C-alpha cells in the first residue's frame, strides 16, 4: 500500500527517509545487536545517541552555550504548570492570549500566582494575532508567556514582542524547526515533538541558565524541577529513548536538506499554493486574517457543516486523512508540517477545485 497524505495537526507525518532509516536499524542499531527500543538509557551506545541529537539540534538552531537543552516527557501540556512552578518566583506574569493553548496555560498558572493577560485575540474569535508593538509589559513580571503558532485557529506570530529584561517564554510546539529561530530572544522555548520533530512523547526544552538559577517559592517534587533534569543531562529518569532517537534522525535530515532557512522557503511555497487558492475561491473561505496566517496549520470552511462533512468523506477517495478541524472550532484544517511534500498540497488543491466545481 502506498503512503497517504496525512494532514494531521499532530502526531504528524515524518520524513520517509527518517522512517526508512529507523526501519533498517529496528533490529540492530549500529551492530549493537539490539533495537534502540531495547537499549538501556544508561548505556554508552544510547548516551552517544542523545549527545549527538543535542549537538545536531544546537547546530541546526544555533543554540548559545548559556542555554540547556532538555529532552523530557509530558508534552507541552505539562509545561503549563511546570513553568510557573519553577519560574514564577515573585508571583506574577504577563501573558498574550491567542487561543485554547494559552487559555489552558492561564488556568494552570493562576494556581501559582497572578496572570495579567496583556493582549488577547478572543474578541475576534482568535482570527488575528495581537499587535505586539502596542503591548505594555510589566517590568516586574517574572516572565512573559506566549504560544507562537496556534494549531486550532491557524494563526502565527510574525514578530516577537520586545520584553526588555523580562524573560520571554514561548510554546513553539507546532512551528518548532519550521523556520530559523533567534534563540537569544527567549528565556525559554519548549515544544512537543509530534508536529515537525518526531513522535509523540518527547518534549524539547531550551532554557537559559539565568532562569534555571531561580529559586522556586516552594519545594518541588523531583520530576517537576527543571534544574534536576538539567543537572542530569535529561537522564534523571528514563527518558523517551526511542522518540529522542527519531528526533535525532529528523535533525540530521533537516541539516542535510539545507537547514531551517531552506525549510522555511519550502514551507512558504506549500502554504502559498493553498492560501492562493483559498483567496481566489468563492466556495472555500479561510478562517484567519491574512497578516496572522500560519504556514503550518491552514484553517478554512465550506458554506455549511453539511458540506464540510461531504468534503471530508470525498477526501477518502484521494487518500487524504485528518482534514477535519479541531473539535472546538469545527470546519476544516490542513496541517503542512515539514514532512508534507509539495505534491500533497497540490493534490489537495486539485481535489478542492473539483469539489467547488461540483457544487456551483
Protein backbone atom coordinates (compact mmCIF):
# COMPACT_ATOMS: atom_id res chain seq x y z
CA UNK A 1 0.00 0.00 0.00
CA UNK A 2 1.34 3.44 -0.92
CA UNK A 3 1.52 6.09 1.79
CA UNK A 4 -1.37 8.50 2.19
CA UNK A 5 -1.24 12.28 2.56
CA UNK A 6 -1.67 12.81 6.29
CA UNK A 7 -2.76 16.40 7.05
CA UNK A 8 -2.98 15.74 10.80
CA UNK A 9 -2.25 18.55 13.26
CA UNK A 10 -0.25 16.00 15.27
CA UNK A 11 1.03 13.40 15.55
CA UNK A 12 2.01 14.22 12.01
CA UNK A 13 3.94 12.91 9.02
CA UNK A 14 7.62 12.11 9.40
CA UNK A 15 10.12 12.23 6.52
CA UNK A 16 10.16 8.92 4.64
CA UNK A 17 13.95 8.93 4.74
CA UNK A 18 13.83 9.00 8.54
CA UNK A 19 11.28 6.19 8.68
CA UNK A 20 13.35 4.03 6.33
CA UNK A 21 16.48 4.56 8.43
CA UNK A 22 14.59 3.66 11.59
CA UNK A 23 13.19 0.55 9.88
CA UNK A 24 16.65 -0.56 8.74
CA UNK A 25 18.00 -0.12 12.27
CA UNK A 26 15.00 -1.58 14.07
CA UNK A 27 16.51 -4.98 14.93
CA UNK A 28 20.16 -3.98 15.18
CA UNK A 29 21.33 -0.44 15.84
CA UNK A 30 24.91 0.01 14.59
CA UNK A 31 25.99 -3.57 15.35
CA UNK A 32 24.81 -3.32 18.96
CA UNK A 33 22.70 -6.45 18.44
CA UNK A 34 19.57 -4.74 19.72
CA UNK A 35 16.96 -2.14 18.86
CA UNK A 36 17.13 1.34 20.35
CA UNK A 37 13.76 0.42 21.91
CA UNK A 38 15.50 -2.27 23.97
CA UNK A 39 18.57 -0.27 24.91
CA UNK A 40 19.40 0.93 28.42
CA UNK A 41 19.40 4.70 28.64
CA UNK A 42 22.48 4.32 30.85
CA UNK A 43 24.45 2.51 28.16
CA UNK A 44 27.39 4.04 26.32
CA UNK A 45 25.64 3.45 22.99
CA UNK A 46 22.48 5.32 24.00
CA UNK A 47 24.49 8.15 25.58
CA UNK A 48 26.03 8.62 22.16
CA UNK A 49 22.56 8.84 20.57
CA UNK A 50 21.27 11.55 22.90
CA UNK A 51 24.56 13.51 22.86
CA UNK A 52 24.57 13.52 19.06
CA UNK A 53 20.91 14.57 18.95
CA UNK A 54 21.63 17.55 21.22
CA UNK A 55 24.73 18.54 19.23
CA UNK A 56 22.81 18.43 15.95
CA UNK A 57 19.92 20.45 17.41
CA UNK A 58 22.34 23.09 18.72
CA UNK A 59 23.93 23.31 15.27
CA UNK A 60 20.57 23.40 13.48
CA UNK A 61 19.18 26.30 15.51
CA UNK A 62 22.34 27.99 16.76
CA UNK A 63 21.71 27.49 20.48
CA UNK A 64 24.13 29.57 22.61
CA UNK A 65 26.22 27.88 25.30
CA UNK A 66 24.28 29.57 28.12
CA UNK A 67 21.15 27.54 27.29
CA UNK A 68 20.46 23.98 28.41
CA UNK A 69 18.70 21.52 26.11
CA UNK A 70 16.37 19.02 27.79
CA UNK A 71 14.55 16.06 26.26
CA UNK A 72 11.55 15.46 28.50
CA UNK A 73 8.11 13.87 28.66
CA UNK A 74 4.64 15.18 29.49
CA UNK A 75 4.02 17.12 26.29
CA UNK A 76 3.79 20.89 26.22
CA UNK A 77 0.76 20.49 28.50
CA UNK A 78 2.95 19.64 31.47
CA UNK A 79 4.76 22.91 30.86
CA UNK A 80 1.57 24.89 31.53
CA UNK A 81 2.05 24.09 35.22
CA UNK A 82 5.75 23.24 35.39
CA UNK A 83 6.88 26.62 34.04
CA UNK A 84 5.11 28.80 36.67
CA UNK A 85 6.02 26.24 39.32
CA UNK A 86 9.71 26.77 38.53
CA UNK A 87 9.95 30.36 37.32
CA UNK A 88 7.11 32.41 38.87
CA UNK A 89 9.23 33.45 41.84
CA UNK A 90 7.66 36.87 42.55
CA UNK A 91 4.16 35.66 41.83
CA UNK A 92 3.05 37.44 38.64
CA UNK A 93 3.41 37.02 34.89
CA UNK A 94 2.27 38.71 31.69
CA UNK A 95 0.59 36.54 29.05
CA UNK A 96 -0.60 37.01 25.45
CA UNK A 97 -3.80 35.04 24.89
CA UNK A 98 -4.11 33.59 21.39
CA UNK A 99 -6.42 30.65 21.91
CA UNK A 100 -7.03 27.27 23.50
CA UNK A 101 -3.42 26.54 24.49
CA UNK A 102 -2.77 29.87 26.18
CA UNK A 103 -6.13 29.64 27.95
CA UNK A 104 -5.02 26.31 29.40
CA UNK A 105 -1.71 27.90 30.39
CA UNK A 106 -3.62 30.72 32.12
CA UNK A 107 -5.68 28.25 34.12
CA UNK A 108 -2.63 26.38 35.41
CA UNK A 109 -0.51 29.49 36.04
CA UNK A 110 -3.25 31.02 38.20
CA UNK A 111 -2.69 28.21 40.69
CA UNK A 112 0.75 29.69 41.40
CA UNK A 113 0.21 33.43 41.14
CA UNK A 114 -1.24 36.39 39.25
CA UNK A 115 -1.70 36.21 35.47
CA UNK A 116 -2.00 39.52 33.64
CA UNK A 117 -3.43 39.00 30.13
CA UNK A 118 -1.75 41.90 28.35
CA UNK A 119 -3.30 41.20 24.93
CA UNK A 120 -5.90 38.81 23.55
CA UNK A 121 -7.41 37.81 20.24
CA UNK A 122 -10.55 36.38 21.84
CA UNK A 123 -12.86 39.23 20.85
CA UNK A 124 -12.36 38.48 17.14
CA UNK A 125 -12.57 34.70 17.55
CA UNK A 126 -8.76 34.39 17.53
CA UNK A 127 -8.68 35.24 13.82
CA UNK A 128 -5.92 37.79 14.36
CA UNK A 129 -2.68 37.88 16.36
CA UNK A 130 -2.44 40.91 18.70
CA UNK A 131 -0.12 43.74 17.66
CA UNK A 132 2.95 43.09 19.80
CA UNK A 133 4.30 46.63 19.34
CA UNK A 134 1.35 48.11 21.22
CA UNK A 135 1.56 45.82 24.25
CA UNK A 136 2.66 47.29 27.58
CA UNK A 137 4.55 44.80 29.72
CA UNK A 138 5.13 44.89 33.47
CA UNK A 139 8.89 45.28 34.09
CA UNK A 140 8.40 43.50 37.42
CA UNK A 141 6.74 40.41 35.92
CA UNK A 142 8.55 37.11 36.36
CA UNK A 143 8.24 36.39 32.64
CA UNK A 144 6.08 36.95 29.56
CA UNK A 145 4.34 33.87 28.15
CA UNK A 146 3.14 33.25 24.60
CA UNK A 147 2.27 30.46 22.16
CA UNK A 148 3.88 31.14 18.78
CA UNK A 149 1.73 29.10 16.38
CA UNK A 150 -1.84 28.12 17.08
CA UNK A 151 -2.82 24.77 15.63
CA UNK A 152 -6.54 25.11 16.31
CA UNK A 153 -7.23 28.51 14.75
CA UNK A 154 -4.34 28.54 12.27
CA UNK A 155 -2.61 31.74 13.38
CA UNK A 156 1.07 32.62 13.87
CA UNK A 157 3.12 35.50 15.26
CA UNK A 158 5.10 37.28 12.53
CA UNK A 159 7.31 39.05 15.07
CA UNK A 160 8.06 38.64 18.75
CA UNK A 161 7.46 41.18 21.50
CA UNK A 162 10.28 43.17 23.00
CA UNK A 163 10.08 42.43 26.71
CA UNK A 164 13.19 44.19 28.00
CA UNK A 165 14.76 42.45 30.98
CA UNK A 166 11.73 40.24 31.50
CA UNK A 167 12.32 36.74 30.01
CA UNK A 168 10.07 35.68 27.15
CA UNK A 169 8.86 32.07 27.38
CA UNK A 170 7.37 30.57 24.23
CA UNK A 171 5.44 27.41 23.43
CA UNK A 172 6.60 26.58 19.89
CA UNK A 173 5.06 23.13 19.67
CA UNK A 174 3.51 23.44 16.22
CA UNK A 175 6.14 25.55 14.45
CA UNK A 176 9.41 24.40 16.04
CA UNK A 177 12.08 23.77 13.37
CA UNK A 178 9.83 25.02 10.57
CA UNK A 179 11.92 28.21 10.22
CA UNK A 180 15.07 29.80 11.70
CA UNK A 181 14.87 30.80 15.37
CA UNK A 182 16.83 33.53 17.18
CA UNK A 183 17.13 31.71 20.49
CA UNK A 184 18.62 34.77 22.22
CA UNK A 185 15.22 36.49 22.13
CA UNK A 186 13.83 33.94 24.58
CA UNK A 187 14.38 32.88 28.15
CA UNK A 188 12.82 29.53 27.30
CA UNK A 189 11.49 27.73 24.23
CA UNK A 190 9.61 24.48 24.56
CA UNK A 191 7.84 22.24 22.09
CA UNK A 192 6.10 18.92 21.86
CA UNK A 193 7.87 16.91 19.17
CA UNK A 194 4.85 15.42 17.42
CA UNK A 195 4.40 18.11 14.78
CA UNK A 196 7.69 18.75 12.99
CA UNK A 197 10.28 16.86 15.00
CA UNK A 198 9.38 13.31 15.94
CA UNK A 199 6.82 11.02 17.53
CA UNK A 200 4.53 11.94 20.40
CA UNK A 201 6.13 11.53 23.80
CA UNK A 202 9.13 13.87 23.56
CA UNK A 203 9.12 17.49 24.71
CA UNK A 204 12.16 19.61 23.89
CA UNK A 205 13.00 22.42 26.32
CA UNK A 206 15.66 25.07 25.66
CA UNK A 207 16.20 27.07 28.86
CA UNK A 208 18.56 29.95 29.58
CA UNK A 209 20.86 29.48 32.56
CA UNK A 210 19.62 32.54 34.48
CA UNK A 211 16.10 31.05 34.61
CA UNK A 212 17.47 27.78 35.91
CA UNK A 213 19.27 29.75 38.63
CA UNK A 214 15.98 30.98 40.08
CA UNK A 215 14.85 29.52 43.37
CA UNK A 216 11.18 28.42 43.34
CA UNK A 217 8.89 29.81 46.02
CA UNK A 218 8.09 26.34 47.27
CA UNK A 219 9.83 22.95 47.27
CA UNK A 220 9.08 20.99 44.11
CA UNK A 221 8.56 17.28 43.52
CA UNK A 222 11.75 15.99 41.93
CA UNK A 223 10.42 15.32 38.45
CA UNK A 224 8.82 18.79 38.25
CA UNK A 225 12.13 20.61 38.84
CA UNK A 226 13.80 21.66 35.59
CA UNK A 227 17.11 22.09 37.42
CA UNK A 228 17.26 18.44 38.29
CA UNK A 229 16.75 17.45 34.66
CA UNK A 230 19.43 19.92 33.54
CA UNK A 231 21.91 18.69 36.14
CA UNK A 232 21.36 15.11 34.98
CA UNK A 233 21.52 15.74 31.23
CA UNK A 234 17.89 14.65 30.67
CA UNK A 235 18.72 11.38 32.44
CA UNK A 236 17.20 11.93 35.89
CA UNK A 237 14.67 9.24 35.00
CA UNK A 238 14.29 7.03 31.92
CA UNK A 239 13.69 9.50 29.07
CA UNK A 240 11.57 8.68 25.98
CA UNK A 241 14.55 6.91 24.43
CA UNK A 242 13.16 5.81 21.08
CA UNK A 243 11.40 9.12 20.48
CA UNK A 244 14.66 11.01 21.10
CA UNK A 245 16.42 8.71 18.63
CA UNK A 246 13.80 9.55 15.96
CA UNK A 247 14.14 13.28 16.72
CA UNK A 248 17.89 12.89 16.20
CA UNK A 249 17.28 11.37 12.77
CA UNK A 250 14.99 14.29 11.89
CA UNK A 251 17.69 16.78 12.96
CA UNK A 252 20.14 15.08 10.60
CA UNK A 253 17.57 15.13 7.79
CA UNK A 254 16.97 18.85 8.28
CA UNK A 255 20.71 19.60 8.27
CA UNK A 256 21.20 17.55 5.10
CA UNK A 257 18.26 19.29 3.40
CA UNK A 258 19.74 22.75 3.88
CA UNK A 259 18.80 23.69 7.43
CA UNK A 260 15.95 25.86 8.66
CA UNK A 261 16.25 28.62 6.06
CA UNK A 262 15.66 26.07 3.31
CA UNK A 263 12.84 24.52 5.31
CA UNK A 264 11.12 27.90 5.72
CA UNK A 265 11.29 28.55 1.97
CA UNK A 266 9.73 25.15 1.30
CA UNK A 267 7.00 25.72 3.90
CA UNK A 268 6.20 29.15 2.46
CA UNK A 269 5.84 27.62 -1.00
CA UNK A 270 3.44 24.95 0.26
CA UNK A 271 1.32 27.43 2.20
CA UNK A 272 1.17 29.85 -0.75
CA UNK A 273 -0.28 27.15 -3.02
CA UNK A 274 -3.16 26.56 -0.61
CA UNK A 275 -3.76 30.15 0.54
CA UNK A 276 -3.70 31.49 -3.04
CA UNK A 277 -6.46 29.07 -3.96
CA UNK A 278 -8.49 29.87 -0.83
CA UNK A 279 -8.25 33.60 -1.55
CA UNK A 280 -9.49 33.08 -5.10
CA UNK A 281 -12.27 30.64 -4.19
CA UNK A 282 -15.91 31.67 -3.99
CA UNK A 283 -16.70 28.48 -2.08
CA UNK A 284 -13.97 27.81 0.48
CA UNK A 285 -13.20 30.56 2.99
CA UNK A 286 -10.01 30.89 5.06
CA UNK A 287 -10.59 31.49 8.76
CA UNK A 288 -7.63 33.65 9.83
CA UNK A 289 -6.81 37.21 8.75
CA UNK A 290 -4.07 37.41 6.11
CA UNK A 291 -1.48 39.06 8.35
CA UNK A 292 -1.85 36.38 11.03
CA UNK A 293 -1.88 33.18 8.98
CA UNK A 294 0.12 30.13 9.95
CA UNK A 295 2.36 28.30 7.49
CA UNK A 296 1.79 25.10 9.43
CA UNK A 297 -1.98 24.93 10.01
CA UNK A 298 -4.33 26.24 7.33
CA UNK A 299 -7.92 26.54 8.58
CA UNK A 300 -10.88 27.01 6.23
CA UNK A 301 -14.57 26.26 5.73
CA UNK A 302 -17.17 25.44 3.11
CA UNK A 303 -20.55 27.27 3.22
CA UNK A 304 -22.04 24.75 5.69
CA UNK A 305 -21.29 22.00 8.19
CA UNK A 306 -23.02 19.53 5.88
CA UNK A 307 -20.70 20.41 3.00
CA UNK A 308 -17.70 20.17 5.35
CA UNK A 309 -18.77 16.61 6.14
CA UNK A 310 -19.26 15.78 2.44
CA UNK A 311 -15.80 17.20 1.65
CA UNK A 312 -14.22 15.01 4.33
CA UNK A 313 -15.99 11.93 3.05
CA UNK A 314 -14.88 12.63 -0.52
CA UNK A 315 -11.28 13.15 0.60
CA UNK A 316 -11.01 9.46 1.48
CA UNK A 317 -11.11 8.55 -2.22
CA UNK A 318 -7.97 10.64 -2.76
CA UNK A 319 -6.23 9.05 0.27
CA UNK A 320 -6.22 12.30 2.26
CA UNK A 321 -6.70 11.98 6.00
CA UNK A 322 -7.10 14.22 9.08
CA UNK A 323 -8.57 17.27 7.31
CA UNK A 324 -11.26 17.79 9.94
CA UNK A 325 -10.98 20.94 12.04
CA UNK A 326 -10.44 20.81 15.79
CA UNK A 327 -13.44 19.60 17.77
CA UNK A 328 -13.75 23.01 19.49
CA UNK A 329 -14.00 25.01 16.25
CA UNK A 330 -15.27 22.71 13.51
CA UNK A 331 -14.54 23.47 9.88
CA UNK A 332 -11.55 22.08 8.02
CA UNK A 333 -7.81 22.18 8.61
CA UNK A 334 -4.79 21.11 6.58
CA UNK A 335 -1.53 20.90 8.53
CA UNK A 336 1.51 21.37 6.30
CA UNK A 337 4.37 20.41 8.59
CA UNK A 338 7.93 19.88 7.40
CA UNK A 339 7.43 16.35 6.10
CA UNK A 340 4.37 17.16 3.98
CA UNK A 341 5.58 17.23 0.35
CA UNK A 342 4.57 19.96 -2.09
CA UNK A 343 2.86 17.26 -4.15
CA UNK A 344 0.48 16.61 -1.25
CA UNK A 345 -0.64 20.25 -1.17
CA UNK A 346 -1.03 20.34 -4.93
CA UNK A 347 -3.15 17.19 -4.82
CA UNK A 348 -5.34 18.69 -2.08
CA UNK A 349 -5.94 21.89 -4.07
CA UNK A 350 -6.82 19.83 -7.15
CA UNK A 351 -9.48 17.99 -5.12
CA UNK A 352 -10.78 21.28 -3.65
CA UNK A 353 -11.19 22.74 -7.14
CA UNK A 354 -13.10 19.66 -8.26
CA UNK A 355 -15.32 19.84 -5.17
CA UNK A 356 -16.05 23.53 -5.69
CA UNK A 357 -16.86 22.96 -9.36
CA UNK A 358 -19.27 20.16 -8.46
CA UNK A 359 -21.14 22.41 -6.01
CA UNK A 360 -21.66 25.53 -8.08
